[in-house]
Amino acid sequence: MNRAQGCPFDPPAELRRLREERPLVRMRYADGHLGWLATGHSLARRILADRRFSSRQELLHSPTVDIGEIPPASVGDLTGIDAPEHTRYRRLLIGSFTVRRMRALTERVEQITAEHLDAMERQGTSADLVEAYARPVPALMICELLGVPYADREFFQDHATTVLTQDADEQEKYTALTALQEYLHQLVLAKRTEPTDDLISDLTASDLTDEELAGLGSLLLVAGLDTTANMIAHGAFALLSNPDQLDALRSDPDLADQAVEELMRYLTVADPTLRSALEDIELDGQLIKAGECVTVSLQAANRDPLRFPDPDALDLRRKATGHLGFGHGVHQCLGQQLARVEMRVAIPALFARFPSLRLTVPPEEVPLRTSMNIYGVERLPVAWGEE
C-alpha cells in the first residue's frame, strides 16, 4: 500500500478504510500464505500481549516479499524468539535500561547534541540533517551504552552508517556488517579482561556466552540507531510542516516529554510487526488458526479514532499514552527509555539553536524511505540564518 501523494506522515488511506470496516481482515502474504491483517488499536494491543501469538522468526511470513523459508533468529536477537529464551535475555538486560539509568545518560546526550550543532554551525548555513545530526547522535549514544572506546567510535559509526544506508552497495553493506560483528566480538573479549562502566561489561558477569553478547550488541546497534535516527529526522520534518506545533514546543519547553510521545504515535516509523498463532485463537468473532501469521499495523492502530480523537492531527499537547510506537507486551522495545532521552534532548535543542531552520526543497521533494521497515527520510536538506 502506498501513502497518498503529498502526505508523508499519514498511513495509506486503504489501512484507514480497513480499520473502519473490519479491524481484523484476511490477507494473502507474498509467499501465498493466507494470514491476517490487524489495524485497530484495541485489537493490536490484545494480539501483542497474548502469549499464544509467537514472535519466533522461523514461524513468520513476510507480508511484502517472498523470501522463502525464514531461518531462526540469530544468536542474541530478542525480537525473533519466545520464552524461555526471550525471558532469560530480557531479565539480564532490563537492569541496564531502567528510566533512572537512561536519564543519567542525559548529560552525555546533551554534550553530543551540542557538539554536532556546533559542527553544523561552523560548516555553514545548510546541511543534510540526517547525515549531520539525526544519525550520528544516536550512533554515538549506542557507542556510549556498549562501551566502545573513544578511539574506535569513528570506525564504529562509519560502518554502522554503511549498514543502514538505503542506497549503499550490497557488498559494501555485507563488508561493513562483517567488520562490525568482528569488532563487537573483540569488544566482548576486551570487556571480559578489563570491564568498564557500560552494558557489555555489566553482562560479562552473567552466564551469556561471547557469541550471545556480540549478538546482543548487534541487535542494540541496529534497533537503537536506525529507529531513533529516523524519529529525529522525520520528527523535525513533521514539526517544520506543522509550524503551529513547532511554535508550541518553542514557547513551552515543558512540552518536550509529551512531544516525544505524540511524535512516536503520529509517525510510527517502525511498522509493521508480525506474530504467528501457536494455537487456534478467536478474536473479534474470527478464528485465527494455529500456524496462521498476523501482521499488526502499528501505524494504523496509532491513528485509530476510537483511541485517539482527531488522530490524523499532530497535537503536542495531546497525552498520547497507550500509543504503540514502541510496541506492546513482552516484546515492547527494550531501549525505549534511551530513545526517549535522545529525542527529548535532540529535537528541542535543534530548533533552539537554529530558530530559522527551514527546508531547502519543497516538502513533496524530500526523499522518503518507502521500501524499508523503518520509515522516514533518506535526506532532509535544511538551512538556517537569513534567506
Protein backbone atom coordinates (compact mmCIF):
# COMPACT_ATOMS: atom_id res chain seq x y z
CA MET A 1 0.00 0.00 0.00
CA ASN A 2 1.33 3.43 -0.93
CA ARG A 3 0.91 6.61 1.06
CA ALA A 4 -1.05 9.37 -0.65
CA GLN A 5 1.00 11.81 -2.70
CA GLY A 6 1.99 14.79 -0.55
CA CYS A 7 1.12 13.02 2.73
CA PRO A 8 4.48 11.82 4.08
CA PHE A 9 3.21 11.44 7.66
CA ASP A 10 -0.11 9.65 7.11
CA PRO A 11 -0.58 5.88 6.73
CA PRO A 12 -2.03 4.64 3.44
CA ALA A 13 -5.71 5.50 3.10
CA GLU A 14 -6.51 1.83 2.48
CA LEU A 15 -5.40 0.99 6.02
CA ARG A 16 -7.84 3.56 7.38
CA ARG A 17 -10.66 2.08 5.32
CA LEU A 18 -9.90 -1.46 6.50
CA ARG A 19 -9.67 -0.33 10.14
CA GLU A 20 -13.09 1.30 9.90
CA GLU A 21 -14.76 -1.62 8.12
CA ARG A 22 -13.09 -4.62 9.75
CA PRO A 23 -10.04 -4.23 12.05
CA LEU A 24 -9.11 -7.89 11.51
CA VAL A 25 -9.16 -9.00 7.88
CA ARG A 26 -7.81 -11.89 5.82
CA MET A 27 -4.61 -11.13 3.91
CA ARG A 28 -2.65 -13.10 1.31
CA TYR A 29 1.08 -12.94 2.04
CA ALA A 30 3.78 -12.64 -0.61
CA ASP A 31 4.64 -16.35 -0.44
CA GLY A 32 0.99 -17.38 -0.76
CA HIS A 33 0.38 -17.88 2.97
CA LEU A 34 -3.17 -16.94 3.97
CA GLY A 35 -2.98 -14.96 7.20
CA TRP A 36 -4.42 -11.82 8.74
CA LEU A 37 -4.00 -8.05 8.96
CA ALA A 38 -4.88 -6.23 12.21
CA THR A 39 -5.39 -2.46 12.11
CA GLY A 40 -7.42 -1.49 15.23
CA HIS A 41 -5.69 -0.19 18.37
CA SER A 42 -7.51 -2.37 20.90
CA LEU A 43 -7.06 -5.45 18.72
CA ALA A 44 -3.37 -4.74 18.19
CA ARG A 45 -2.76 -4.45 21.94
CA ARG A 46 -4.56 -7.73 22.59
CA ILE A 47 -2.51 -9.58 19.97
CA LEU A 48 0.83 -8.18 21.14
CA ALA A 49 0.04 -9.01 24.78
CA ASP A 50 -1.18 -12.57 24.09
CA ARG A 51 1.49 -15.23 24.68
CA ARG A 52 -0.41 -17.56 22.34
CA PHE A 53 0.99 -15.46 19.50
CA SER A 54 4.64 -16.23 18.78
CA SER A 55 7.47 -13.93 17.68
CA ARG A 56 9.68 -16.82 16.59
CA GLN A 57 11.23 -15.70 13.34
CA GLU A 58 11.05 -19.12 11.65
CA LEU A 59 7.25 -19.23 12.14
CA LEU A 60 6.62 -15.90 10.39
CA HIS A 61 5.84 -14.94 6.79
CA SER A 62 6.80 -11.70 5.10
CA PRO A 63 3.71 -9.71 4.10
CA THR A 64 5.53 -7.94 1.26
CA VAL A 65 8.39 -10.06 -0.13
CA ASP A 66 8.58 -13.78 -0.91
CA ILE A 67 11.88 -14.66 0.75
CA GLY A 68 11.20 -18.35 1.12
CA GLU A 69 11.62 -20.15 4.40
CA ILE A 70 12.73 -17.75 7.15
CA PRO A 71 15.58 -19.09 9.32
CA PRO A 72 15.53 -18.92 13.13
CA ALA A 73 16.68 -15.66 14.72
CA SER A 74 20.42 -15.20 15.09
CA VAL A 75 22.00 -15.61 18.50
CA GLY A 76 21.17 -12.65 20.73
CA ASP A 77 18.23 -11.39 18.65
CA LEU A 78 15.43 -10.92 21.20
CA THR A 79 12.94 -9.82 18.57
CA GLY A 80 12.64 -13.24 16.93
CA ILE A 81 12.34 -15.61 19.91
CA ASP A 82 9.84 -16.54 22.63
CA ALA A 83 10.06 -17.54 26.28
CA PRO A 84 12.00 -19.06 27.94
CA GLU A 85 14.96 -17.85 25.80
CA HIS A 86 13.47 -14.37 25.44
CA THR A 87 12.80 -14.16 29.19
CA ARG A 88 16.38 -15.11 30.00
CA TYR A 89 17.86 -12.37 27.81
CA ARG A 90 15.36 -9.73 28.82
CA ARG A 91 15.85 -10.27 32.56
CA LEU A 92 19.59 -9.83 32.13
CA LEU A 93 19.19 -6.67 30.06
CA ILE A 94 16.32 -4.92 31.81
CA GLY A 95 18.50 -3.53 34.60
CA SER A 96 20.64 -1.72 32.04
CA PHE A 97 17.64 0.08 30.54
CA THR A 98 15.90 1.48 33.60
CA VAL A 99 14.45 5.00 33.49
CA ARG A 100 16.98 6.06 36.15
CA ARG A 101 20.00 4.80 34.22
CA MET A 102 18.79 6.24 30.94
CA ARG A 103 18.15 9.63 32.48
CA ALA A 104 21.68 9.50 33.88
CA LEU A 105 22.84 9.46 30.24
CA THR A 106 21.03 12.74 29.57
CA GLU A 107 24.17 14.80 30.18
CA ARG A 108 26.06 12.80 27.55
CA VAL A 109 23.19 13.19 25.08
CA GLU A 110 23.29 16.95 25.70
CA GLN A 111 27.07 17.04 25.13
CA ILE A 112 26.93 15.00 21.93
CA THR A 113 23.98 17.05 20.66
CA ALA A 114 25.76 20.33 21.37
CA GLU A 115 28.93 19.12 19.62
CA HIS A 116 27.04 18.28 16.44
CA LEU A 117 25.06 21.51 16.49
CA ASP A 118 28.37 23.37 16.88
CA ALA A 119 29.78 21.48 13.91
CA MET A 120 26.74 22.31 11.78
CA GLU A 121 27.08 25.99 12.67
CA ARG A 122 30.80 26.04 11.84
CA GLN A 123 30.31 24.39 8.46
CA GLY A 124 27.92 27.00 7.08
CA THR A 125 24.21 27.70 6.89
CA SER A 126 22.87 24.48 5.34
CA ALA A 127 23.17 20.73 5.82
CA ASP A 128 21.56 17.35 5.33
CA LEU A 129 20.05 16.93 8.78
CA VAL A 130 20.19 13.12 8.55
CA GLU A 131 23.92 12.95 7.93
CA ALA A 132 24.94 15.93 10.07
CA TYR A 133 22.74 15.33 13.11
CA ALA A 134 20.00 12.71 13.21
CA ARG A 135 22.20 9.69 12.52
CA PRO A 136 25.43 10.50 14.44
CA VAL A 137 23.74 11.44 17.73
CA PRO A 138 22.13 8.01 18.38
CA ALA A 139 25.17 6.25 16.87
CA LEU A 140 27.45 7.83 19.46
CA MET A 141 24.97 7.08 22.23
CA ILE A 142 25.00 3.40 21.24
CA CYS A 143 28.80 3.60 21.48
CA GLU A 144 28.40 5.09 24.94
CA LEU A 145 25.97 2.37 26.00
CA LEU A 146 28.06 -0.52 24.68
CA GLY A 147 31.36 0.90 25.92
CA VAL A 148 33.03 1.42 22.53
CA PRO A 149 36.38 3.17 23.22
CA TYR A 150 36.53 6.76 22.04
CA ALA A 151 39.34 5.99 19.57
CA ASP A 152 37.13 3.41 17.83
CA ARG A 153 33.97 5.48 17.55
CA GLU A 154 34.62 6.87 14.09
CA PHE A 155 35.17 3.31 12.78
CA PHE A 156 32.03 2.09 14.55
CA GLN A 157 29.87 4.99 13.35
CA ASP A 158 31.11 4.82 9.74
CA HIS A 159 30.43 1.09 9.44
CA ALA A 160 27.05 1.35 11.18
CA THR A 161 26.06 4.12 8.77
CA THR A 162 27.03 1.97 5.78
CA VAL A 163 24.96 -0.95 7.05
CA LEU A 164 21.88 1.23 7.49
CA THR A 165 22.15 3.41 4.38
CA GLN A 166 19.39 2.53 1.93
CA ASP A 167 21.29 3.15 -1.30
CA ALA A 168 24.62 1.63 -0.22
CA ASP A 169 26.03 -1.19 -2.36
CA GLU A 170 25.00 -4.63 -1.03
CA GLN A 171 28.61 -5.82 -0.96
CA GLU A 172 29.61 -2.70 0.96
CA LYS A 173 26.83 -3.37 3.47
CA TYR A 174 27.92 -7.00 3.90
CA THR A 175 31.56 -5.99 4.37
CA ALA A 176 30.62 -3.31 6.92
CA LEU A 177 28.32 -5.70 8.83
CA THR A 178 31.01 -8.39 8.96
CA ALA A 179 33.52 -5.84 10.24
CA LEU A 180 31.07 -4.66 12.93
CA GLN A 181 30.32 -8.21 14.08
CA GLU A 182 34.01 -9.00 14.34
CA TYR A 183 34.57 -5.72 16.18
CA LEU A 184 31.80 -6.49 18.68
CA HIS A 185 33.25 -9.97 19.29
CA GLN A 186 36.65 -8.43 20.04
CA LEU A 187 34.98 -5.80 22.23
CA VAL A 188 33.34 -8.54 24.31
CA LEU A 189 36.72 -10.22 24.84
CA ALA A 190 38.24 -6.88 25.88
CA LYS A 191 35.42 -6.17 28.36
CA ARG A 192 35.87 -9.58 29.97
CA THR A 193 39.53 -8.71 30.59
CA GLU A 194 39.08 -5.05 31.55
CA PRO A 195 35.44 -4.20 32.33
CA THR A 196 34.31 -0.57 32.36
CA ASP A 197 31.03 1.16 33.19
CA ASP A 198 28.90 0.02 30.25
CA LEU A 199 26.28 -2.53 29.26
CA ILE A 200 28.59 -5.18 27.79
CA SER A 201 30.88 -5.05 30.83
CA ASP A 202 27.85 -5.49 33.09
CA LEU A 203 26.74 -8.53 31.12
CA THR A 204 30.15 -10.23 31.19
CA ALA A 205 29.30 -11.14 34.80
CA SER A 206 26.28 -13.16 33.55
CA ASP A 207 26.20 -16.63 32.00
CA LEU A 208 25.95 -15.23 28.46
CA THR A 209 28.49 -16.59 26.00
CA ASP A 210 30.76 -14.37 23.91
CA GLU A 211 28.58 -15.12 20.86
CA GLU A 212 25.43 -14.13 22.73
CA LEU A 213 26.98 -10.89 23.97
CA ALA A 214 28.18 -9.94 20.48
CA GLY A 215 24.73 -10.79 19.09
CA LEU A 216 23.04 -8.58 21.66
CA GLY A 217 25.42 -5.79 20.72
CA SER A 218 24.47 -6.17 17.05
CA LEU A 219 20.76 -6.10 17.92
CA LEU A 220 21.13 -2.94 20.03
CA LEU A 221 23.11 -1.29 17.26
CA VAL A 222 20.51 -1.92 14.56
CA ALA A 223 17.44 -1.45 16.76
CA GLY A 224 18.75 1.59 18.61
CA LEU A 225 20.37 3.52 15.80
CA ASP A 226 18.08 3.38 12.77
CA THR A 227 14.78 3.88 14.59
CA THR A 228 15.93 6.83 16.70
CA ALA A 229 17.79 8.45 13.80
CA ASN A 230 14.61 8.36 11.72
CA MET A 231 12.49 9.66 14.58
CA ILE A 232 14.79 12.67 15.00
CA ALA A 233 14.90 13.46 11.26
CA HIS A 234 11.27 12.64 10.48
CA GLY A 235 10.18 14.38 13.68
CA ALA A 236 11.99 17.53 12.57
CA PHE A 237 10.31 17.25 9.16
CA ALA A 238 6.89 16.88 10.83
CA LEU A 239 7.45 19.92 13.03
CA LEU A 240 8.67 22.05 10.11
CA SER A 241 5.49 21.01 8.30
CA ASN A 242 3.32 21.95 11.31
CA PRO A 243 4.62 25.39 12.35
CA ASP A 244 1.90 25.89 14.97
CA GLN A 245 3.13 22.78 16.80
CA LEU A 246 6.75 23.86 16.45
CA ASP A 247 5.81 27.24 17.96
CA ALA A 248 4.13 25.45 20.86
CA LEU A 249 7.27 23.42 21.56
CA ARG A 250 9.48 26.51 21.39
CA SER A 251 7.25 28.50 23.72
CA ASP A 252 6.85 25.73 26.29
CA PRO A 253 9.98 23.59 26.93
CA ASP A 254 7.95 21.52 29.39
CA LEU A 255 6.13 20.08 26.38
CA ALA A 256 9.21 18.04 25.39
CA ASP A 257 8.10 14.80 27.06
CA GLN A 258 4.59 14.98 25.60
CA ALA A 259 6.03 15.95 22.23
CA VAL A 260 8.13 12.78 22.11
CA GLU A 261 5.13 10.56 22.82
CA GLU A 262 2.93 12.35 20.30
CA LEU A 263 5.61 12.17 17.59
CA MET A 264 6.04 8.45 18.31
CA ARG A 265 2.29 7.99 17.86
CA TYR A 266 1.91 10.27 14.87
CA LEU A 267 4.92 8.99 12.89
CA THR A 268 5.20 5.31 13.96
CA VAL A 269 8.36 4.80 11.91
CA ALA A 270 8.79 1.11 12.86
CA ASP A 271 5.95 -0.80 11.22
CA PRO A 272 4.53 -3.43 10.92
CA THR A 273 5.16 -6.19 13.46
CA LEU A 274 4.35 -9.88 12.94
CA ARG A 275 3.08 -12.74 15.09
CA SER A 276 2.18 -16.39 14.44
CA ALA A 277 -0.66 -18.20 16.24
CA LEU A 278 0.57 -21.14 18.32
CA GLU A 279 -2.97 -22.49 18.68
CA ASP A 280 -6.47 -21.71 17.42
CA ILE A 281 -7.45 -18.27 18.78
CA GLU A 282 -10.77 -16.46 18.45
CA LEU A 283 -10.58 -12.68 18.17
CA ASP A 284 -13.40 -10.30 17.28
CA GLY A 285 -15.57 -13.23 16.23
CA GLN A 286 -12.91 -14.54 13.81
CA LEU A 287 -10.94 -17.76 14.19
CA ILE A 288 -7.20 -17.45 13.72
CA LYS A 289 -5.94 -20.99 13.24
CA ALA A 290 -2.67 -22.36 14.62
CA GLY A 291 0.19 -21.53 12.26
CA GLU A 292 -1.51 -18.52 10.68
CA CYS A 293 0.50 -15.31 10.65
CA VAL A 294 -0.90 -11.95 11.75
CA THR A 295 0.53 -8.65 10.54
CA VAL A 296 -0.15 -5.92 13.10
CA SER A 297 -0.15 -2.45 11.54
CA LEU A 298 1.09 -0.20 14.34
CA GLN A 299 0.71 2.94 12.22
CA ALA A 300 -2.96 2.18 11.59
CA ALA A 301 -3.52 1.36 15.27
CA ASN A 302 -1.89 4.61 16.36
CA ARG A 303 -4.30 6.56 14.13
CA ASP A 304 -7.39 4.77 15.48
CA PRO A 305 -10.04 7.43 16.36
CA LEU A 306 -11.55 5.05 18.90
CA ARG A 307 -8.36 5.52 20.96
CA PHE A 308 -7.06 8.94 19.86
CA PRO A 309 -9.55 11.70 18.95
CA ASP A 310 -8.68 13.56 15.73
CA PRO A 311 -5.83 11.05 15.20
CA ASP A 312 -4.51 12.47 11.94
CA ALA A 313 -3.60 15.78 13.59
CA LEU A 314 -0.19 16.32 15.19
CA ASP A 315 -1.01 17.75 18.61
CA LEU A 316 1.92 18.07 21.02
CA ARG A 317 -0.47 18.86 23.87
CA ARG A 318 -2.18 15.50 23.42
CA LYS A 319 -1.48 12.92 26.12
CA ALA A 320 -0.61 10.09 23.75
CA THR A 321 -0.33 7.44 26.46
CA GLY A 322 -1.03 3.94 25.19
CA HIS A 323 0.47 4.53 21.75
CA LEU A 324 2.15 1.53 20.12
CA GLY A 325 5.18 3.30 18.69
CA PHE A 326 7.41 1.17 20.90
CA GLY A 327 5.26 -1.92 20.51
CA HIS A 328 3.47 -3.61 23.41
CA GLY A 329 3.68 -6.71 25.56
CA VAL A 330 6.79 -8.75 26.38
CA HIS A 331 8.49 -7.62 23.18
CA GLN A 332 7.96 -3.91 23.80
CA CYS A 333 11.11 -2.01 22.80
CA LEU A 334 13.80 -2.61 25.41
CA GLY A 335 15.63 0.62 24.58
CA GLN A 336 12.58 2.88 24.64
CA GLN A 337 13.84 4.93 27.59
CA LEU A 338 17.13 5.69 25.83
CA ALA A 339 15.23 6.65 22.68
CA ARG A 340 13.02 8.98 24.71
CA VAL A 341 16.06 10.68 26.27
CA GLU A 342 17.69 11.18 22.88
CA MET A 343 14.57 12.63 21.24
CA ARG A 344 13.67 14.77 24.26
CA VAL A 345 17.10 16.41 24.08
CA ALA A 346 17.93 16.40 20.36
CA ILE A 347 14.71 17.74 18.84
CA PRO A 348 14.17 20.83 21.06
CA ALA A 349 17.92 21.60 21.01
CA LEU A 350 17.93 21.66 17.21
CA PHE A 351 15.21 24.29 16.99
CA ALA A 352 16.60 26.29 19.92
CA ARG A 353 19.99 26.56 18.19
CA PHE A 354 18.54 27.32 14.75
CA PRO A 355 15.27 29.27 15.21
CA SER A 356 15.13 29.97 11.46
CA LEU A 357 15.60 26.32 10.45
CA ARG A 358 13.73 25.59 7.23
CA LEU A 359 13.60 23.11 4.37
CA THR A 360 15.58 23.99 1.25
CA VAL A 361 13.35 21.92 -1.02
CA PRO A 362 9.55 21.76 -1.26
CA PRO A 363 8.13 19.21 1.23
CA GLU A 364 6.99 16.93 -1.60
CA GLU A 365 10.60 16.70 -2.83
CA VAL A 366 12.02 15.37 0.45
CA PRO A 367 13.18 11.81 -0.39
CA LEU A 368 11.34 9.24 1.73
CA ARG A 369 12.33 5.73 2.81
CA THR A 370 9.40 3.80 1.37
CA SER A 371 11.00 0.38 0.85
CA MET A 372 12.31 -0.33 4.35
CA ASN A 373 10.72 -1.50 7.61
CA ILE A 374 11.91 1.71 9.30
CA TYR A 375 10.12 4.62 7.63
CA GLY A 376 11.48 8.15 7.49
CA VAL A 377 13.52 10.41 5.24
CA GLU A 378 16.61 9.47 3.28
CA ARG A 379 17.83 13.06 3.42
CA LEU A 380 16.45 16.25 4.93
CA PRO A 381 18.02 19.31 3.29
CA VAL A 382 17.74 22.27 5.68
CA ALA A 383 19.14 25.78 6.05
CA TRP A 384 19.20 28.47 8.72
CA GLY A 385 20.07 32.12 9.03
CA GLU A 386 18.95 34.81 6.60
CA GLU A 387 17.24 33.68 3.40
